[in-house]
N, C-alpha and C. Protein backbone atom coordinates (compact mmCIF):
# COMPACT_ATOMS: atom_id res chain seq x y z
N UNK A 1 -77.42 90.87 158.01
CA UNK A 1 -77.26 91.87 159.13
C UNK A 1 -78.26 91.77 160.19
N UNK A 2 -77.99 91.49 161.47
CA UNK A 2 -79.04 91.56 162.63
C UNK A 2 -78.94 92.77 163.18
N UNK A 3 -80.07 93.71 163.46
CA UNK A 3 -79.92 94.92 164.09
C UNK A 3 -81.22 94.84 165.06
N UNK A 4 -81.05 96.07 165.82
CA UNK A 4 -81.84 96.39 166.89
C UNK A 4 -82.62 97.75 166.71
N UNK A 5 -84.20 97.64 166.60
CA UNK A 5 -84.79 99.10 166.41
C UNK A 5 -85.48 99.23 167.71
N UNK A 6 -85.37 100.64 168.19
CA UNK A 6 -86.06 100.83 169.43
C UNK A 6 -86.68 102.23 169.36
N UNK A 7 -87.87 102.56 169.91
CA UNK A 7 -88.69 103.72 169.83
C UNK A 7 -88.73 104.10 171.21
N UNK A 8 -88.75 105.28 171.58
CA UNK A 8 -89.05 105.63 172.92
C UNK A 8 -89.81 107.22 172.67
N UNK A 9 -90.97 107.22 173.32
CA UNK A 9 -91.87 108.68 173.38
C UNK A 9 -91.07 109.54 174.47
N UNK A 10 -91.87 110.65 174.73
CA UNK A 10 -91.38 111.61 175.69
C UNK A 10 -91.89 111.22 177.26
N UNK A 11 -92.56 110.06 177.16
CA UNK A 11 -92.95 109.70 178.53
C UNK A 11 -91.88 108.43 178.94
N UNK A 12 -91.58 108.36 180.09
CA UNK A 12 -91.01 107.02 180.51
C UNK A 12 -91.63 105.88 180.41
N UNK A 13 -91.02 104.60 179.84
CA UNK A 13 -91.86 103.48 179.70
C UNK A 13 -90.84 102.42 180.21
N UNK A 14 -91.63 101.36 180.55
CA UNK A 14 -91.11 99.94 181.13
C UNK A 14 -90.11 99.45 180.11
N UNK A 15 -90.13 99.80 178.86
CA UNK A 15 -89.57 99.05 177.87
C UNK A 15 -87.90 99.33 177.96
N UNK A 16 -87.53 100.51 178.89
CA UNK A 16 -86.12 100.72 179.16
C UNK A 16 -85.42 99.90 179.78
N UNK A 17 -86.23 98.96 180.88
CA UNK A 17 -85.59 97.75 181.51
C UNK A 17 -85.30 96.65 180.50
N UNK A 18 -86.33 96.30 179.61
CA UNK A 18 -86.12 95.19 178.70
C UNK A 18 -84.93 95.56 177.82
N UNK A 19 -84.92 96.80 177.58
CA UNK A 19 -83.88 97.03 176.52
C UNK A 19 -82.43 97.00 177.34
N UNK A 20 -82.24 97.15 178.38
CA UNK A 20 -81.17 97.04 179.27
C UNK A 20 -80.92 95.69 179.37
N UNK A 21 -81.89 94.74 179.72
CA UNK A 21 -81.62 93.33 179.96
C UNK A 21 -81.31 92.86 178.72
N UNK A 22 -81.43 93.41 177.58
CA UNK A 22 -81.27 92.54 176.17
C UNK A 22 -79.58 92.57 176.12
N UNK A 23 -79.15 91.54 176.13
CA UNK A 23 -77.55 91.38 176.20
C UNK A 23 -77.05 90.85 174.67
N UNK A 24 -77.86 90.70 173.86
CA UNK A 24 -77.55 90.13 172.55
C UNK A 24 -76.66 91.14 171.77
N UNK A 25 -75.92 90.84 171.01
CA UNK A 25 -74.78 91.32 170.24
C UNK A 25 -75.53 91.95 168.71
N UNK A 26 -75.67 93.33 168.48
CA UNK A 26 -76.34 93.54 167.16
C UNK A 26 -75.31 94.26 166.43
N UNK A 27 -75.37 94.26 165.12
CA UNK A 27 -74.14 94.81 164.44
C UNK A 27 -74.47 96.30 164.23
N UNK A 28 -75.79 96.70 164.34
CA UNK A 28 -76.14 98.24 164.12
C UNK A 28 -77.61 98.45 165.11
N UNK A 29 -77.68 99.61 165.56
CA UNK A 29 -78.77 99.82 166.43
C UNK A 29 -79.54 100.96 166.04
N UNK A 30 -80.75 101.09 165.94
CA UNK A 30 -81.50 102.47 165.27
C UNK A 30 -82.35 102.90 166.82
N UNK A 31 -82.58 103.89 166.89
CA UNK A 31 -83.28 104.75 168.25
C UNK A 31 -83.90 105.76 167.70
N UNK A 32 -85.20 105.75 167.91
CA UNK A 32 -85.84 107.20 167.47
C UNK A 32 -86.78 107.57 168.84
N UNK A 33 -86.73 108.77 169.18
CA UNK A 33 -87.45 109.18 170.27
C UNK A 33 -88.53 110.04 169.58
N UNK A 34 -89.72 109.34 169.31
CA UNK A 34 -90.73 109.89 168.74
C UNK A 34 -92.15 109.11 169.21
N UNK A 35 -93.29 109.91 169.07
CA UNK A 35 -94.46 109.29 169.53
C UNK A 35 -94.85 107.93 168.49
N UNK A 36 -95.55 107.08 169.17
CA UNK A 36 -95.86 105.68 168.40
C UNK A 36 -97.00 105.93 167.48
N UNK A 37 -97.53 107.20 167.51
CA UNK A 37 -98.43 107.38 166.50
C UNK A 37 -97.88 107.91 165.32
N UNK A 38 -96.69 108.17 165.14
CA UNK A 38 -96.08 108.75 163.95
C UNK A 38 -95.76 107.21 162.88
N UNK A 39 -96.14 107.12 161.81
CA UNK A 39 -96.13 106.09 160.90
C UNK A 39 -94.47 105.78 160.97
N UNK A 40 -94.33 104.51 160.99
CA UNK A 40 -92.99 103.93 160.95
C UNK A 40 -92.23 104.61 159.98
N UNK A 41 -92.61 104.55 158.54
CA UNK A 41 -91.57 105.09 157.41
C UNK A 41 -91.44 106.65 157.56
N UNK A 42 -92.01 107.38 158.60
CA UNK A 42 -91.75 108.68 158.80
C UNK A 42 -90.85 109.14 159.78
N UNK A 43 -90.15 108.13 160.66
CA UNK A 43 -89.20 108.22 161.67
C UNK A 43 -88.01 108.31 161.11
N UNK A 44 -87.23 109.24 161.59
CA UNK A 44 -85.77 109.61 161.25
C UNK A 44 -84.92 108.19 161.11
N UNK A 45 -84.93 107.51 162.15
CA UNK A 45 -84.03 106.40 162.04
C UNK A 45 -84.70 105.17 161.60
N UNK A 46 -86.03 105.02 161.63
CA UNK A 46 -86.64 104.08 160.79
C UNK A 46 -86.30 104.22 159.25
N UNK A 47 -86.08 105.47 158.98
CA UNK A 47 -85.96 105.84 157.46
C UNK A 47 -84.63 105.10 157.11
N UNK A 48 -83.47 105.22 157.90
CA UNK A 48 -82.19 104.93 157.70
C UNK A 48 -82.38 103.39 157.91
N UNK A 49 -83.23 102.58 158.58
CA UNK A 49 -83.37 101.23 158.68
C UNK A 49 -83.82 100.58 157.29
N UNK A 50 -84.93 101.42 156.79
CA UNK A 50 -85.62 100.85 155.72
C UNK A 50 -84.54 100.88 154.35
N UNK A 51 -83.68 102.18 154.24
CA UNK A 51 -82.77 102.20 153.15
C UNK A 51 -81.92 100.73 153.13
N UNK A 52 -81.57 100.56 154.42
CA UNK A 52 -80.60 99.43 154.54
C UNK A 52 -81.37 98.09 154.12
N UNK A 53 -82.60 98.05 154.64
CA UNK A 53 -83.37 96.71 154.17
C UNK A 53 -83.31 96.88 152.68
N UNK A 54 -83.87 97.66 151.89
CA UNK A 54 -84.00 97.94 150.46
C UNK A 54 -82.78 97.45 149.82
N UNK A 55 -81.41 97.66 150.43
CA UNK A 55 -80.26 97.40 149.86
C UNK A 55 -79.99 95.97 150.17
N UNK A 56 -80.86 95.20 150.95
CA UNK A 56 -80.61 94.02 151.37
C UNK A 56 -79.36 93.61 152.17
N UNK A 57 -79.46 94.69 152.97
CA UNK A 57 -78.06 94.63 153.94
C UNK A 57 -78.44 93.99 155.36
N UNK A 58 -79.98 94.04 155.47
CA UNK A 58 -80.25 93.57 156.88
C UNK A 58 -81.48 92.51 156.68
N UNK A 59 -81.13 91.52 157.50
CA UNK A 59 -82.31 90.04 157.51
C UNK A 59 -83.02 89.74 158.55
N UNK A 60 -82.56 90.72 159.46
CA UNK A 60 -83.32 90.36 160.79
C UNK A 60 -83.21 91.72 161.67
N UNK A 61 -84.69 92.06 162.26
CA UNK A 61 -84.80 93.36 163.23
C UNK A 61 -85.49 92.66 164.18
N UNK A 62 -84.81 93.26 165.55
CA UNK A 62 -85.16 92.93 166.70
C UNK A 62 -85.85 94.06 167.44
N UNK A 63 -86.79 93.89 168.16
CA UNK A 63 -87.72 95.03 168.85
C UNK A 63 -87.98 94.31 170.40
N UNK A 64 -87.89 95.21 171.09
CA UNK A 64 -88.12 94.98 172.72
C UNK A 64 -89.69 94.13 172.70
N UNK A 65 -90.48 95.09 172.09
CA UNK A 65 -91.92 94.44 171.86
C UNK A 65 -92.55 95.46 170.70
N UNK A 66 -93.67 94.79 170.32
CA UNK A 66 -94.38 95.30 169.23
C UNK A 66 -94.70 96.59 169.19
N UNK A 67 -95.24 97.15 170.45
CA UNK A 67 -95.50 98.59 170.45
C UNK A 67 -94.33 99.64 169.88
N UNK A 68 -92.77 99.02 170.03
CA UNK A 68 -91.89 100.03 169.64
C UNK A 68 -92.14 100.13 168.16
N UNK A 69 -92.83 99.48 167.32
CA UNK A 69 -92.81 99.64 165.95
C UNK A 69 -93.94 100.72 165.57
N UNK A 70 -94.89 100.57 166.74
CA UNK A 70 -95.78 101.80 166.71
C UNK A 70 -97.18 101.50 167.38
N UNK A 71 -98.05 102.45 167.36
CA UNK A 71 -99.40 102.21 168.33
C UNK A 71 -100.45 102.37 167.51
N UNK A 72 -100.10 102.55 166.03
CA UNK A 72 -101.43 102.47 165.27
C UNK A 72 -101.57 101.00 164.45
N UNK A 73 -102.49 100.44 164.73
CA UNK A 73 -102.67 99.03 163.93
C UNK A 73 -102.42 98.98 162.61
N UNK A 74 -103.09 99.91 161.82
CA UNK A 74 -103.04 99.75 160.39
C UNK A 74 -101.29 99.78 159.86
N UNK A 75 -100.71 100.67 160.46
CA UNK A 75 -99.26 101.24 160.29
C UNK A 75 -98.47 100.04 160.80
N UNK A 76 -98.57 99.34 161.81
CA UNK A 76 -97.76 98.29 162.23
C UNK A 76 -97.92 96.94 161.28
N UNK A 77 -99.26 96.66 160.97
CA UNK A 77 -99.48 95.58 159.98
C UNK A 77 -98.73 95.91 158.85
N UNK A 78 -98.94 97.03 158.05
CA UNK A 78 -98.31 97.25 156.84
C UNK A 78 -96.60 97.25 157.00
N UNK A 79 -96.23 97.78 158.14
CA UNK A 79 -94.64 97.45 158.18
C UNK A 79 -94.31 96.46 158.27
N UNK A 80 -95.08 95.50 159.07
CA UNK A 80 -94.77 93.95 159.33
C UNK A 80 -94.87 93.40 157.85
N UNK A 81 -96.00 93.57 157.08
CA UNK A 81 -96.28 92.98 155.74
C UNK A 81 -94.91 93.31 154.77
N UNK A 82 -94.48 94.64 154.97
CA UNK A 82 -93.61 95.26 153.73
C UNK A 82 -92.10 94.33 154.21
N UNK A 83 -91.97 94.15 155.72
CA UNK A 83 -90.78 93.54 155.83
C UNK A 83 -90.73 91.88 155.54
N UNK A 84 -91.83 91.37 155.50
CA UNK A 84 -92.05 90.19 154.91
C UNK A 84 -91.90 90.04 153.58
N UNK A 85 -92.24 90.94 152.99
CA UNK A 85 -92.07 91.13 151.39
C UNK A 85 -90.44 91.20 151.33
N UNK A 86 -89.53 91.90 152.05
CA UNK A 86 -88.23 91.84 151.94
C UNK A 86 -87.61 90.63 152.64
N UNK A 87 -88.49 89.83 153.04
CA UNK A 87 -87.69 88.52 153.57
C UNK A 87 -86.89 88.86 154.88
N UNK A 88 -87.57 89.87 155.62
CA UNK A 88 -86.65 90.15 156.78
C UNK A 88 -87.29 89.56 158.20
N UNK A 89 -86.77 88.83 158.79
CA UNK A 89 -87.38 88.28 160.10
C UNK A 89 -87.51 89.20 161.09
N UNK A 90 -88.56 89.46 161.78
CA UNK A 90 -88.91 90.41 162.87
C UNK A 90 -88.76 89.58 164.13
N UNK A 91 -88.17 89.97 165.15
CA UNK A 91 -88.23 89.13 166.29
C UNK A 91 -88.45 90.20 167.40
N UNK A 92 -89.88 89.59 167.87
CA UNK A 92 -90.45 90.68 169.15
C UNK A 92 -89.84 89.81 170.46
N UNK A 93 -89.11 90.59 171.17
CA UNK A 93 -88.34 89.83 172.28
C UNK A 93 -89.31 89.50 173.38
N UNK A 94 -90.18 90.39 173.87
CA UNK A 94 -90.95 90.15 175.16
C UNK A 94 -91.78 88.86 175.10
N UNK A 95 -92.25 88.31 173.75
CA UNK A 95 -93.15 87.20 173.46
C UNK A 95 -92.25 85.95 172.94
N UNK A 96 -91.27 86.32 172.43
CA UNK A 96 -90.37 85.18 171.88
C UNK A 96 -90.94 84.96 170.47
N UNK A 97 -91.36 85.97 169.57
CA UNK A 97 -92.16 85.66 168.18
C UNK A 97 -91.31 86.04 167.22
N UNK A 98 -91.13 85.21 166.16
CA UNK A 98 -90.33 85.56 165.06
C UNK A 98 -91.25 85.31 163.77
N UNK A 99 -91.40 86.41 163.06
CA UNK A 99 -92.07 86.15 161.75
C UNK A 99 -91.56 85.24 160.65
N UNK A 100 -90.27 85.16 160.64
CA UNK A 100 -89.73 84.45 159.71
C UNK A 100 -88.64 83.22 160.27
N UNK A 101 -88.97 82.55 161.13
CA UNK A 101 -88.09 81.62 161.84
C UNK A 101 -87.40 80.85 160.59
N UNK A 102 -85.97 80.57 160.56
CA UNK A 102 -85.44 79.57 159.72
C UNK A 102 -85.70 80.03 158.27
N UNK A 103 -85.92 81.20 158.13
CA UNK A 103 -86.13 81.95 156.66
C UNK A 103 -87.60 81.59 156.49
N UNK A 104 -88.46 81.00 156.96
CA UNK A 104 -89.72 80.80 156.49
C UNK A 104 -91.00 81.33 157.24
N UNK A 105 -91.76 81.80 156.35
CA UNK A 105 -92.95 82.73 157.02
C UNK A 105 -93.67 81.83 158.29
N UNK A 106 -93.90 82.58 159.44
CA UNK A 106 -94.45 82.07 160.30
C UNK A 106 -95.89 82.36 160.34
N UNK A 107 -96.93 81.37 160.05
CA UNK A 107 -98.19 81.68 159.76
C UNK A 107 -99.11 82.01 160.95
N UNK A 108 -98.44 81.97 162.25
CA UNK A 108 -99.22 82.47 163.24
C UNK A 108 -99.07 83.64 163.81
N UNK A 109 -97.82 84.19 163.02
CA UNK A 109 -97.03 85.51 163.31
C UNK A 109 -98.33 86.88 163.34
N UNK A 110 -98.95 86.71 161.89
CA UNK A 110 -99.58 87.68 161.68
C UNK A 110 -100.85 88.09 162.53
N UNK A 111 -101.49 86.76 162.80
CA UNK A 111 -102.57 86.76 163.78
C UNK A 111 -102.31 87.31 165.01
N UNK A 112 -101.03 86.94 165.66
CA UNK A 112 -100.75 87.36 166.93
C UNK A 112 -100.42 88.88 166.95
N UNK A 113 -99.48 89.21 165.84
CA UNK A 113 -99.28 90.94 165.87
C UNK A 113 -100.51 91.59 165.69
N UNK A 114 -101.42 91.28 165.08
CA UNK A 114 -102.48 92.10 164.47
C UNK A 114 -103.37 92.29 166.00
N UNK A 115 -103.37 91.35 166.74
CA UNK A 115 -104.11 91.16 167.97
C UNK A 115 -103.48 92.16 168.91
N UNK A 116 -102.36 91.83 169.02
CA UNK A 116 -101.45 92.93 169.90
C UNK A 116 -101.50 94.45 169.66
N UNK A 117 -101.20 94.51 168.21
CA UNK A 117 -101.29 95.93 167.82
C UNK A 117 -102.73 96.79 167.99
N UNK A 118 -103.84 95.89 167.87
CA UNK A 118 -105.04 96.29 168.15
C UNK A 118 -105.23 96.67 169.70
N UNK A 119 -104.62 96.21 170.50
CA UNK A 119 -104.75 96.29 171.90
C UNK A 119 -103.99 97.40 172.28
N UNK A 120 -102.83 97.63 171.58
CA UNK A 120 -101.82 98.90 171.89
C UNK A 120 -102.72 99.97 171.42
N UNK A 121 -103.31 100.09 170.14
CA UNK A 121 -103.97 101.01 169.75
C UNK A 121 -105.10 101.45 170.39
N UNK A 122 -105.90 100.48 171.05
CA UNK A 122 -107.20 101.05 171.93
C UNK A 122 -106.52 101.44 173.30
N UNK A 123 -105.57 101.12 173.89
CA UNK A 123 -104.97 101.44 174.77
C UNK A 123 -104.33 102.72 174.67
N UNK A 124 -104.25 103.24 173.60
CA UNK A 124 -103.34 104.61 173.32
C UNK A 124 -104.75 105.65 173.37
N UNK A 125 -105.97 105.10 172.79
CA UNK A 125 -107.19 105.92 172.46
C UNK A 125 -107.76 105.98 173.97
N UNK A 126 -107.79 105.09 174.71
CA UNK A 126 -108.21 105.08 176.15
C UNK A 126 -107.42 106.08 176.95
N UNK A 127 -106.45 106.12 176.95
CA UNK A 127 -105.39 107.13 177.46
C UNK A 127 -105.68 108.53 177.12
N UNK A 128 -105.78 108.62 175.81
CA UNK A 128 -105.96 110.01 175.52
C UNK A 128 -107.36 110.64 176.14
N UNK A 129 -108.26 109.75 175.87
CA UNK A 129 -109.78 110.08 176.25
C UNK A 129 -109.62 110.15 177.80
N UNK A 130 -108.87 109.25 178.38
CA UNK A 130 -108.87 109.74 180.01
C UNK A 130 -108.26 111.05 180.49
N UNK A 131 -107.15 111.25 179.64
CA UNK A 131 -106.62 112.54 179.82
C UNK A 131 -107.38 113.97 179.41
N UNK A 132 -108.15 113.69 178.31
CA UNK A 132 -109.06 114.74 178.08
C UNK A 132 -110.26 115.15 179.02
N UNK A 133 -110.68 113.99 179.53
CA UNK A 133 -111.75 114.05 180.52
C UNK A 133 -111.08 114.61 181.89
N UNK A 134 -109.95 114.31 182.36
CA UNK A 134 -109.21 115.08 183.28
C UNK A 134 -109.03 116.38 183.20
N UNK A 135 -108.46 117.02 182.00
CA UNK A 135 -108.26 118.31 182.06
C UNK A 135 -109.63 118.91 181.98
N UNK A 136 -110.67 118.42 181.27
CA UNK A 136 -112.24 118.99 181.39
C UNK A 136 -112.67 119.25 182.63
N UNK A 137 -112.28 118.19 183.43
CA UNK A 137 -112.78 118.28 185.14
C UNK A 137 -112.08 119.29 185.71
N UNK A 138 -110.86 119.41 185.54
CA UNK A 138 -109.92 120.26 186.15
C UNK A 138 -110.31 121.57 185.89
N UNK A 139 -110.29 122.17 184.59
CA UNK A 139 -110.87 123.47 184.28
C UNK A 139 -112.29 123.74 184.70
N UNK A 140 -113.39 122.83 184.66
CA UNK A 140 -114.60 123.01 185.15
C UNK A 140 -114.37 123.39 186.92
N UNK A 141 -113.46 122.73 187.34
CA UNK A 141 -113.26 123.44 189.04
C UNK A 141 -112.70 124.89 188.89
N UNK A 142 -112.28 125.44 187.72
CA UNK A 142 -111.67 126.62 187.93
C UNK A 142 -109.87 126.51 187.96
N UNK A 143 -109.59 125.38 187.48
CA UNK A 143 -108.09 125.13 187.34
C UNK A 143 -107.54 126.02 186.38
N UNK A 144 -106.35 126.41 186.24
CA UNK A 144 -105.67 126.90 185.36
C UNK A 144 -104.74 126.26 184.75
N UNK A 145 -104.35 125.89 183.52
CA UNK A 145 -103.20 125.16 182.91
C UNK A 145 -101.77 125.79 182.69
N UNK A 146 -100.94 125.02 182.88
CA UNK A 146 -99.79 125.72 182.78
C UNK A 146 -99.15 125.96 184.06
N UNK A 147 -97.65 126.03 183.95
CA UNK A 147 -96.84 126.02 185.39
C UNK A 147 -97.23 127.32 186.09
N UNK A 148 -97.42 127.40 187.21
CA UNK A 148 -97.49 128.75 187.86
C UNK A 148 -96.18 129.36 187.99
N UNK A 149 -96.29 130.68 187.91
CA UNK A 149 -94.94 131.41 187.75
C UNK A 149 -94.39 131.30 189.21
N UNK A 150 -92.82 131.11 189.13
CA UNK A 150 -92.27 131.00 190.48
C UNK A 150 -92.40 129.54 191.16
N UNK A 151 -93.02 128.63 190.50
CA UNK A 151 -93.43 127.20 191.34
C UNK A 151 -92.34 126.20 190.56
N UNK A 152 -91.17 125.95 191.48
CA UNK A 152 -90.21 125.16 191.06
C UNK A 152 -90.06 124.01 192.23
N UNK A 153 -89.32 123.15 191.81
CA UNK A 153 -89.05 122.11 192.61
C UNK A 153 -87.63 122.37 193.21
N UNK A 154 -87.65 122.01 194.83
CA UNK A 154 -86.37 121.95 195.32
C UNK A 154 -85.30 121.05 194.58
N UNK A 155 -83.93 120.93 194.84
CA UNK A 155 -83.11 119.84 194.48
C UNK A 155 -83.44 118.41 195.05
N UNK A 156 -84.02 118.40 196.42
CA UNK A 156 -84.44 117.37 197.04
C UNK A 156 -85.74 116.58 196.30
N UNK A 157 -86.61 117.57 196.10
CA UNK A 157 -87.86 116.76 195.54
C UNK A 157 -87.63 116.22 194.17
N UNK A 158 -86.56 117.26 193.36
CA UNK A 158 -86.40 116.87 191.82
C UNK A 158 -85.86 115.56 192.09
N UNK A 159 -84.87 115.27 192.75
CA UNK A 159 -84.15 113.98 192.85
C UNK A 159 -85.02 112.94 193.39
N UNK A 160 -86.01 112.98 193.84
CA UNK A 160 -87.03 112.05 194.35
C UNK A 160 -88.10 111.47 193.49
N UNK A 161 -87.72 112.22 192.17
CA UNK A 161 -88.98 111.94 191.17
C UNK A 161 -88.32 110.40 190.64
N UNK A 162 -89.06 109.56 190.22
CA UNK A 162 -88.57 108.01 189.76
C UNK A 162 -87.71 107.99 188.68
N UNK A 163 -87.90 109.17 187.55
CA UNK A 163 -86.95 109.17 186.36
C UNK A 163 -85.72 109.63 187.02
N UNK A 164 -85.72 110.64 187.85
CA UNK A 164 -84.31 111.10 188.42
C UNK A 164 -83.52 109.97 189.00
N UNK A 165 -84.24 109.31 189.91
CA UNK A 165 -83.52 108.20 190.52
C UNK A 165 -82.95 107.37 189.60
N UNK A 166 -83.67 106.82 188.47
CA UNK A 166 -83.24 105.87 187.73
C UNK A 166 -82.07 106.47 186.70
N UNK A 167 -82.27 107.84 186.60
CA UNK A 167 -81.38 108.37 185.76
C UNK A 167 -79.93 108.48 186.60
N UNK A 168 -79.86 108.42 187.66
CA UNK A 168 -78.92 108.66 188.49
C UNK A 168 -78.40 107.16 188.65
N UNK A 169 -78.98 106.15 188.69
CA UNK A 169 -78.66 104.77 188.72
C UNK A 169 -77.44 104.61 187.69
N UNK A 170 -77.78 104.90 186.23
CA UNK A 170 -77.14 104.67 185.18
C UNK A 170 -75.98 105.80 185.01
N UNK A 171 -76.08 106.99 185.40
CA UNK A 171 -74.91 107.76 185.68
C UNK A 171 -73.97 107.23 186.49
N UNK A 172 -74.15 106.55 187.63
CA UNK A 172 -73.25 106.16 188.39
C UNK A 172 -72.82 104.74 187.77
N UNK A 173 -73.40 104.30 186.86
CA UNK A 173 -72.65 103.20 186.13
C UNK A 173 -71.81 103.58 184.82
N UNK A 174 -71.24 104.80 185.22
CA UNK A 174 -70.49 105.57 184.04
C UNK A 174 -71.24 105.56 182.57
N UNK A 175 -72.58 105.52 182.61
CA UNK A 175 -73.21 105.72 181.22
C UNK A 175 -73.03 107.08 181.02
N UNK A 176 -73.06 107.39 179.54
CA UNK A 176 -72.79 108.70 179.07
C UNK A 176 -74.12 109.47 179.27
N UNK A 177 -74.40 110.70 179.03
CA UNK A 177 -75.55 111.44 178.94
C UNK A 177 -76.41 110.99 178.01
N UNK A 178 -76.04 110.82 176.77
CA UNK A 178 -76.91 110.64 175.51
C UNK A 178 -77.34 109.01 175.83
N UNK A 179 -76.55 108.04 176.33
CA UNK A 179 -77.10 106.89 176.67
C UNK A 179 -78.11 106.68 177.69
N UNK A 180 -77.96 107.49 178.74
CA UNK A 180 -78.79 107.47 180.05
C UNK A 180 -80.23 108.17 179.48
N UNK A 181 -79.93 109.12 178.62
CA UNK A 181 -81.28 109.65 178.19
C UNK A 181 -82.12 108.78 177.43
N UNK A 182 -81.68 107.97 176.62
CA UNK A 182 -82.11 106.99 175.58
C UNK A 182 -82.72 105.97 176.54
N UNK A 183 -82.10 105.30 177.56
CA UNK A 183 -82.47 104.43 178.60
C UNK A 183 -83.61 104.75 179.34
N UNK A 184 -83.62 105.92 179.62
CA UNK A 184 -84.52 106.34 180.74
C UNK A 184 -85.84 107.08 180.12
N UNK A 185 -85.49 107.34 178.65
CA UNK A 185 -86.65 108.03 177.75
C UNK A 185 -86.90 109.39 178.50
N UNK A 186 -86.01 109.98 178.63
CA UNK A 186 -85.83 111.41 178.97
C UNK A 186 -84.98 112.33 178.22
N UNK A 187 -85.17 113.60 178.27
CA UNK A 187 -84.32 114.52 177.48
C UNK A 187 -82.60 114.45 177.87
N UNK A 188 -81.78 115.10 177.22
CA UNK A 188 -80.22 114.82 177.68
C UNK A 188 -80.34 116.13 178.71
N UNK A 189 -81.03 117.27 178.39
CA UNK A 189 -81.23 118.43 179.22
C UNK A 189 -81.66 118.01 180.70
N UNK A 190 -82.56 117.00 180.91
CA UNK A 190 -82.93 116.52 182.18
C UNK A 190 -82.02 115.64 182.72
N UNK A 191 -81.11 114.79 182.14
CA UNK A 191 -79.84 114.06 182.65
C UNK A 191 -79.04 115.03 182.94
N UNK A 192 -78.67 116.17 182.24
CA UNK A 192 -77.45 117.18 182.78
C UNK A 192 -78.11 117.60 184.19
N UNK A 193 -79.09 117.94 184.21
CA UNK A 193 -79.86 118.43 185.38
C UNK A 193 -79.51 117.41 186.85
N UNK A 194 -79.92 116.51 186.35
CA UNK A 194 -79.58 115.27 187.25
C UNK A 194 -78.19 115.45 187.72
N UNK A 195 -77.33 115.21 186.78
CA UNK A 195 -75.73 115.00 186.87
C UNK A 195 -75.23 116.24 187.87
N UNK A 196 -75.86 117.62 187.46
CA UNK A 196 -75.49 118.47 188.24
C UNK A 196 -75.80 118.79 189.67
N UNK A 197 -77.04 118.37 189.59
CA UNK A 197 -77.48 118.37 191.08
C UNK A 197 -76.86 117.36 192.10
N UNK A 198 -76.45 116.17 191.49
CA UNK A 198 -75.78 114.88 192.05
C UNK A 198 -74.62 115.44 192.59
N UNK A 199 -73.77 116.10 191.55
CA UNK A 199 -72.31 116.62 191.70
C UNK A 199 -72.46 117.48 192.78
N UNK A 200 -73.30 118.50 192.95
CA UNK A 200 -73.33 119.36 194.00
C UNK A 200 -73.70 118.88 195.23
N UNK A 201 -74.34 117.95 195.21
CA UNK A 201 -74.62 117.37 196.68
C UNK A 201 -73.63 115.90 196.98
N UNK A 202 -72.58 115.83 196.39
CA UNK A 202 -71.76 114.94 196.49
C UNK A 202 -72.36 113.57 196.44
N UNK A 203 -73.38 113.07 195.44
CA UNK A 203 -73.73 111.70 195.45
C UNK A 203 -73.55 111.18 194.04
N UNK A 204 -72.70 112.08 193.57
CA UNK A 204 -72.09 111.37 192.19
C UNK A 204 -70.63 111.49 192.20
């Protein structure tokens, strides 16, 4: 069975575009909305995927990019090694890499995936450090964390947000609220708000 696995975090990612562009037909799809720092085996949908692999019902797993498996180098490598032991071909779409093309182990795949995973891990660490430094500087200037009481966006300002615009695009394509939330990497509550405002102002 050929399946697709996708992970989205709480932040919008460019992988949504790659996901939408992937027109291949899969027998089953697995979507986890969870941080990439959570180990693969501890994710709800990944657990279901693992069960089917153990039952020998899956022989090929597609991901739009390696970071969907995780942003922790050691965990990604362990996951790929386990799938190799199960003789599962992992297809990484954005770089056209297969770990077991024609049913045989690809010797270069481990090297490439190790390098890419290390880059994602470093990127995550650097982002966290920059965020912490930014918060510290803000507090040092007397800033206060949290939303100010009574501070709300107008409908117009809310709909100008990039995520709102993208969400509206998919709603106009008759996508369901759940599908739109997955593609845009936002909550269903946010999609419902976009839809409510769009209907209110006759733009949907």
